[in-house]
């Protein structure tokens, strides 16, 4: 949890950044503005942490790759459809 107050200029910059990172909600998006703003703040943080120019403290999230045969992939997709 983050708690604090911003001056009017910093607050305006943050609101503009959140709006820029928050697309207009789709018809089936049931998140309220506060949740969309929180998700946008997370997206901004993720971008900063994966930017190699933000050091020290830059972070590269782990990535996982799976190699599957076409048969295994097709079987997994069938299994997911039947859940």
N, C-alpha and C. Protein backbone atom coordinates (compact mmCIF):
# COMPACT_ATOMS: atom_id res chain seq x y z
N UNK A 1 0.84 -1.17 0.00
CA UNK A 1 0.00 0.00 0.00
C UNK A 1 0.88 1.23 0.00
N UNK A 2 0.48 2.21 -0.77
CA UNK A 2 1.17 3.49 -0.82
C UNK A 2 0.22 4.55 -0.30
N UNK A 3 0.74 5.39 0.58
CA UNK A 3 -0.11 6.44 1.14
C UNK A 3 0.70 7.72 1.17
N UNK A 4 0.08 8.80 0.74
CA UNK A 4 0.77 10.08 0.77
C UNK A 4 -0.03 11.12 0.02
N UNK A 5 0.52 12.32 -0.03
CA UNK A 5 -0.13 13.42 -0.72
C UNK A 5 0.83 14.01 -1.73
N UNK A 6 0.28 14.44 -2.85
CA UNK A 6 1.07 15.08 -3.89
C UNK A 6 0.66 16.54 -3.98
N UNK A 7 1.62 17.39 -4.34
CA UNK A 7 1.22 18.77 -4.60
C UNK A 7 0.43 18.80 -5.90
N UNK A 8 -0.17 19.93 -6.22
CA UNK A 8 -1.09 19.98 -7.36
C UNK A 8 -0.40 19.67 -8.69
N UNK A 9 0.84 20.07 -8.85
CA UNK A 9 1.55 19.81 -10.11
C UNK A 9 1.88 18.32 -10.23
N UNK A 10 2.42 17.73 -9.17
CA UNK A 10 2.73 16.30 -9.21
C UNK A 10 1.45 15.48 -9.37
N UNK A 11 0.38 15.89 -8.70
CA UNK A 11 -0.89 15.19 -8.83
C UNK A 11 -1.42 15.26 -10.25
N UNK A 12 -1.28 16.42 -10.88
CA UNK A 12 -1.72 16.57 -12.27
C UNK A 12 -0.91 15.67 -13.19
N UNK A 13 0.43 15.65 -13.00
CA UNK A 13 1.28 14.78 -13.82
C UNK A 13 0.91 13.32 -13.63
N UNK A 14 0.66 12.91 -12.39
CA UNK A 14 0.29 11.52 -12.13
C UNK A 14 -1.03 11.18 -12.80
N UNK A 15 -2.01 12.07 -12.68
CA UNK A 15 -3.32 11.82 -13.32
C UNK A 15 -3.17 11.69 -14.83
N UNK A 16 -2.36 12.56 -15.46
CA UNK A 16 -2.13 12.47 -16.90
C UNK A 16 -1.45 11.15 -17.28
N UNK A 17 -0.47 10.73 -16.46
CA UNK A 17 0.22 9.47 -16.73
C UNK A 17 -0.73 8.28 -16.59
N UNK A 18 -1.57 8.30 -15.56
CA UNK A 18 -2.53 7.22 -15.37
C UNK A 18 -3.55 7.17 -16.50
N UNK A 19 -4.01 8.34 -16.92
CA UNK A 19 -4.95 8.38 -18.04
C UNK A 19 -4.30 7.86 -19.32
N UNK A 20 -3.02 8.20 -19.53
CA UNK A 20 -2.31 7.74 -20.72
C UNK A 20 -2.12 6.22 -20.70
N UNK A 21 -1.95 5.65 -19.51
CA UNK A 21 -1.73 4.21 -19.38
C UNK A 21 -3.03 3.43 -19.23
N UNK A 22 -4.16 4.12 -19.16
CA UNK A 22 -5.45 3.46 -18.97
C UNK A 22 -6.29 3.65 -20.22
N UNK A 23 -6.44 2.62 -21.02
CA UNK A 23 -7.29 2.77 -22.20
C UNK A 23 -8.75 2.92 -21.78
N UNK A 24 -9.55 3.46 -22.69
CA UNK A 24 -10.99 3.55 -22.41
C UNK A 24 -11.49 2.14 -22.16
N UNK A 25 -12.32 1.95 -21.13
CA UNK A 25 -12.76 0.60 -20.80
C UNK A 25 -13.64 0.00 -21.89
N UNK A 26 -13.44 -1.28 -22.12
CA UNK A 26 -14.29 -2.02 -23.06
C UNK A 26 -15.66 -2.20 -22.44
N UNK A 27 -16.62 -2.57 -23.24
CA UNK A 27 -18.00 -2.74 -22.76
C UNK A 27 -18.09 -3.78 -21.64
N UNK A 28 -17.24 -4.81 -21.69
CA UNK A 28 -17.30 -5.86 -20.67
C UNK A 28 -16.32 -5.64 -19.52
N UNK A 29 -15.68 -4.47 -19.46
CA UNK A 29 -14.75 -4.14 -18.38
C UNK A 29 -15.55 -3.62 -17.19
N UNK A 30 -15.61 -4.42 -16.12
CA UNK A 30 -16.42 -4.04 -14.96
C UNK A 30 -15.61 -3.36 -13.85
N UNK A 31 -14.34 -3.03 -14.13
CA UNK A 31 -13.53 -2.34 -13.13
C UNK A 31 -13.99 -0.88 -13.02
N UNK A 32 -13.98 -0.34 -11.80
CA UNK A 32 -14.29 1.07 -11.64
C UNK A 32 -13.03 1.90 -11.94
N UNK A 33 -13.18 3.23 -11.95
CA UNK A 33 -12.05 4.09 -12.28
C UNK A 33 -10.87 3.84 -11.35
N UNK A 34 -11.14 3.69 -10.05
CA UNK A 34 -10.05 3.46 -9.09
C UNK A 34 -9.26 2.21 -9.40
N UNK A 35 -9.93 1.13 -9.78
CA UNK A 35 -9.23 -0.12 -10.10
C UNK A 35 -8.46 0.02 -11.41
N UNK A 36 -9.06 0.70 -12.40
CA UNK A 36 -8.35 0.91 -13.66
C UNK A 36 -7.10 1.76 -13.43
N UNK A 37 -7.21 2.77 -12.55
CA UNK A 37 -6.06 3.62 -12.23
C UNK A 37 -4.98 2.81 -11.51
N UNK A 38 -5.38 1.94 -10.59
CA UNK A 38 -4.41 1.09 -9.89
C UNK A 38 -3.71 0.15 -10.86
N UNK A 39 -4.46 -0.42 -11.80
CA UNK A 39 -3.86 -1.29 -12.80
C UNK A 39 -2.91 -0.50 -13.71
N UNK A 40 -3.27 0.75 -14.02
CA UNK A 40 -2.40 1.60 -14.83
C UNK A 40 -1.10 1.92 -14.09
N UNK A 41 -1.21 2.18 -12.79
CA UNK A 41 -0.02 2.45 -11.99
C UNK A 41 0.90 1.23 -11.98
N UNK A 42 0.33 0.05 -11.89
CA UNK A 42 1.13 -1.18 -11.96
C UNK A 42 1.79 -1.31 -13.33
N UNK A 43 1.07 -0.98 -14.40
CA UNK A 43 1.65 -1.05 -15.74
C UNK A 43 2.82 -0.08 -15.89
N UNK A 44 2.66 1.13 -15.33
CA UNK A 44 3.74 2.12 -15.37
C UNK A 44 4.95 1.60 -14.61
N UNK A 45 4.73 1.05 -13.42
CA UNK A 45 5.83 0.52 -12.61
C UNK A 45 6.53 -0.62 -13.34
N UNK A 46 5.76 -1.49 -13.98
CA UNK A 46 6.35 -2.61 -14.72
C UNK A 46 7.23 -2.10 -15.86
N UNK A 47 6.75 -1.08 -16.58
CA UNK A 47 7.56 -0.52 -17.67
C UNK A 47 8.87 0.06 -17.14
N UNK A 48 8.79 0.79 -16.04
CA UNK A 48 10.00 1.40 -15.48
C UNK A 48 10.98 0.32 -15.01
N UNK A 49 10.46 -0.70 -14.35
CA UNK A 49 11.34 -1.74 -13.82
C UNK A 49 11.98 -2.60 -14.90
N UNK A 50 11.38 -2.65 -16.07
CA UNK A 50 11.97 -3.45 -17.15
C UNK A 50 12.79 -2.61 -18.12
N UNK A 51 12.84 -1.30 -17.91
CA UNK A 51 13.64 -0.41 -18.74
C UNK A 51 15.09 -0.49 -18.28
N UNK A 52 15.98 -0.90 -19.18
CA UNK A 52 17.38 -1.11 -18.82
C UNK A 52 18.09 0.19 -18.43
N UNK A 53 17.51 1.33 -18.78
CA UNK A 53 18.16 2.60 -18.44
C UNK A 53 17.85 3.05 -17.02
N UNK A 54 16.93 2.39 -16.33
CA UNK A 54 16.60 2.77 -14.96
C UNK A 54 17.40 1.91 -13.99
N UNK A 55 18.64 2.30 -13.79
CA UNK A 55 19.50 1.57 -12.87
C UNK A 55 19.95 2.53 -11.78
N UNK A 56 20.33 2.14 -10.61
CA UNK A 56 20.24 0.77 -10.12
C UNK A 56 18.80 0.40 -9.79
N UNK A 57 18.58 -0.86 -9.61
CA UNK A 57 17.26 -1.33 -9.24
C UNK A 57 16.45 -1.81 -10.42
N UNK A 58 16.99 -1.70 -11.64
CA UNK A 58 16.23 -2.19 -12.79
C UNK A 58 16.01 -3.68 -12.60
N UNK A 59 14.88 -4.12 -13.03
CA UNK A 59 14.49 -5.50 -12.80
C UNK A 59 13.97 -6.09 -14.09
N UNK A 60 14.43 -7.26 -14.42
CA UNK A 60 13.90 -7.97 -15.58
C UNK A 60 13.05 -9.10 -15.05
N UNK A 61 11.74 -9.08 -15.33
CA UNK A 61 10.89 -10.15 -14.80
C UNK A 61 11.25 -11.49 -15.43
N UNK A 62 11.05 -12.56 -14.68
CA UNK A 62 11.35 -13.88 -15.24
C UNK A 62 10.43 -14.18 -16.40
N UNK A 63 10.96 -14.90 -17.36
CA UNK A 63 10.17 -15.32 -18.50
C UNK A 63 10.26 -16.83 -18.61
N UNK A 64 9.17 -17.44 -19.00
CA UNK A 64 9.12 -18.89 -19.13
C UNK A 64 8.75 -19.21 -20.57
N UNK A 65 9.48 -20.12 -21.18
CA UNK A 65 9.17 -20.59 -22.52
C UNK A 65 8.89 -22.07 -22.46
N UNK A 66 7.89 -22.50 -23.18
CA UNK A 66 7.55 -23.91 -23.25
C UNK A 66 7.69 -24.38 -24.69
N UNK A 67 8.31 -25.52 -24.87
CA UNK A 67 8.41 -26.13 -26.18
C UNK A 67 7.48 -27.34 -26.18
N UNK A 68 6.48 -27.30 -27.04
CA UNK A 68 5.49 -28.36 -27.10
C UNK A 68 5.40 -28.89 -28.52
N UNK A 69 5.10 -30.16 -28.62
CA UNK A 69 4.81 -30.68 -29.95
C UNK A 69 3.44 -30.18 -30.36
N UNK A 70 3.15 -30.21 -31.64
CA UNK A 70 1.85 -29.76 -32.12
C UNK A 70 0.74 -30.61 -31.50
N UNK A 71 1.00 -31.89 -31.35
CA UNK A 71 0.02 -32.80 -30.76
C UNK A 71 -0.28 -32.44 -29.30
N UNK A 72 0.76 -32.15 -28.53
CA UNK A 72 0.58 -31.77 -27.13
C UNK A 72 -0.19 -30.45 -27.02
N UNK A 73 0.15 -29.48 -27.87
CA UNK A 73 -0.53 -28.19 -27.87
C UNK A 73 -2.02 -28.37 -28.19
N UNK A 74 -2.32 -29.17 -29.21
CA UNK A 74 -3.72 -29.40 -29.58
C UNK A 74 -4.47 -30.09 -28.44
N UNK A 75 -3.83 -31.04 -27.77
CA UNK A 75 -4.46 -31.72 -26.64
C UNK A 75 -4.72 -30.78 -25.48
N UNK A 76 -3.79 -29.89 -25.21
CA UNK A 76 -3.97 -28.92 -24.13
C UNK A 76 -5.12 -27.97 -24.44
N UNK A 77 -5.21 -27.53 -25.67
CA UNK A 77 -6.32 -26.64 -26.07
C UNK A 77 -7.67 -27.34 -25.95
N UNK A 78 -7.71 -28.61 -26.34
CA UNK A 78 -8.98 -29.37 -26.20
C UNK A 78 -9.36 -29.50 -24.75
N UNK A 79 -8.38 -29.77 -23.90
CA UNK A 79 -8.65 -29.93 -22.47
C UNK A 79 -9.17 -28.64 -21.87
N UNK A 80 -8.63 -27.51 -22.27
CA UNK A 80 -9.09 -26.21 -21.74
C UNK A 80 -10.51 -25.90 -22.20
N UNK A 81 -10.85 -26.28 -23.41
CA UNK A 81 -12.21 -26.01 -23.91
C UNK A 81 -13.26 -26.80 -23.14
N UNK A 82 -12.87 -27.95 -22.60
CA UNK A 82 -13.84 -28.82 -21.91
C UNK A 82 -13.92 -28.55 -20.42
N UNK A 83 -13.24 -27.53 -19.94
CA UNK A 83 -13.28 -27.22 -18.51
C UNK A 83 -14.52 -26.44 -18.16
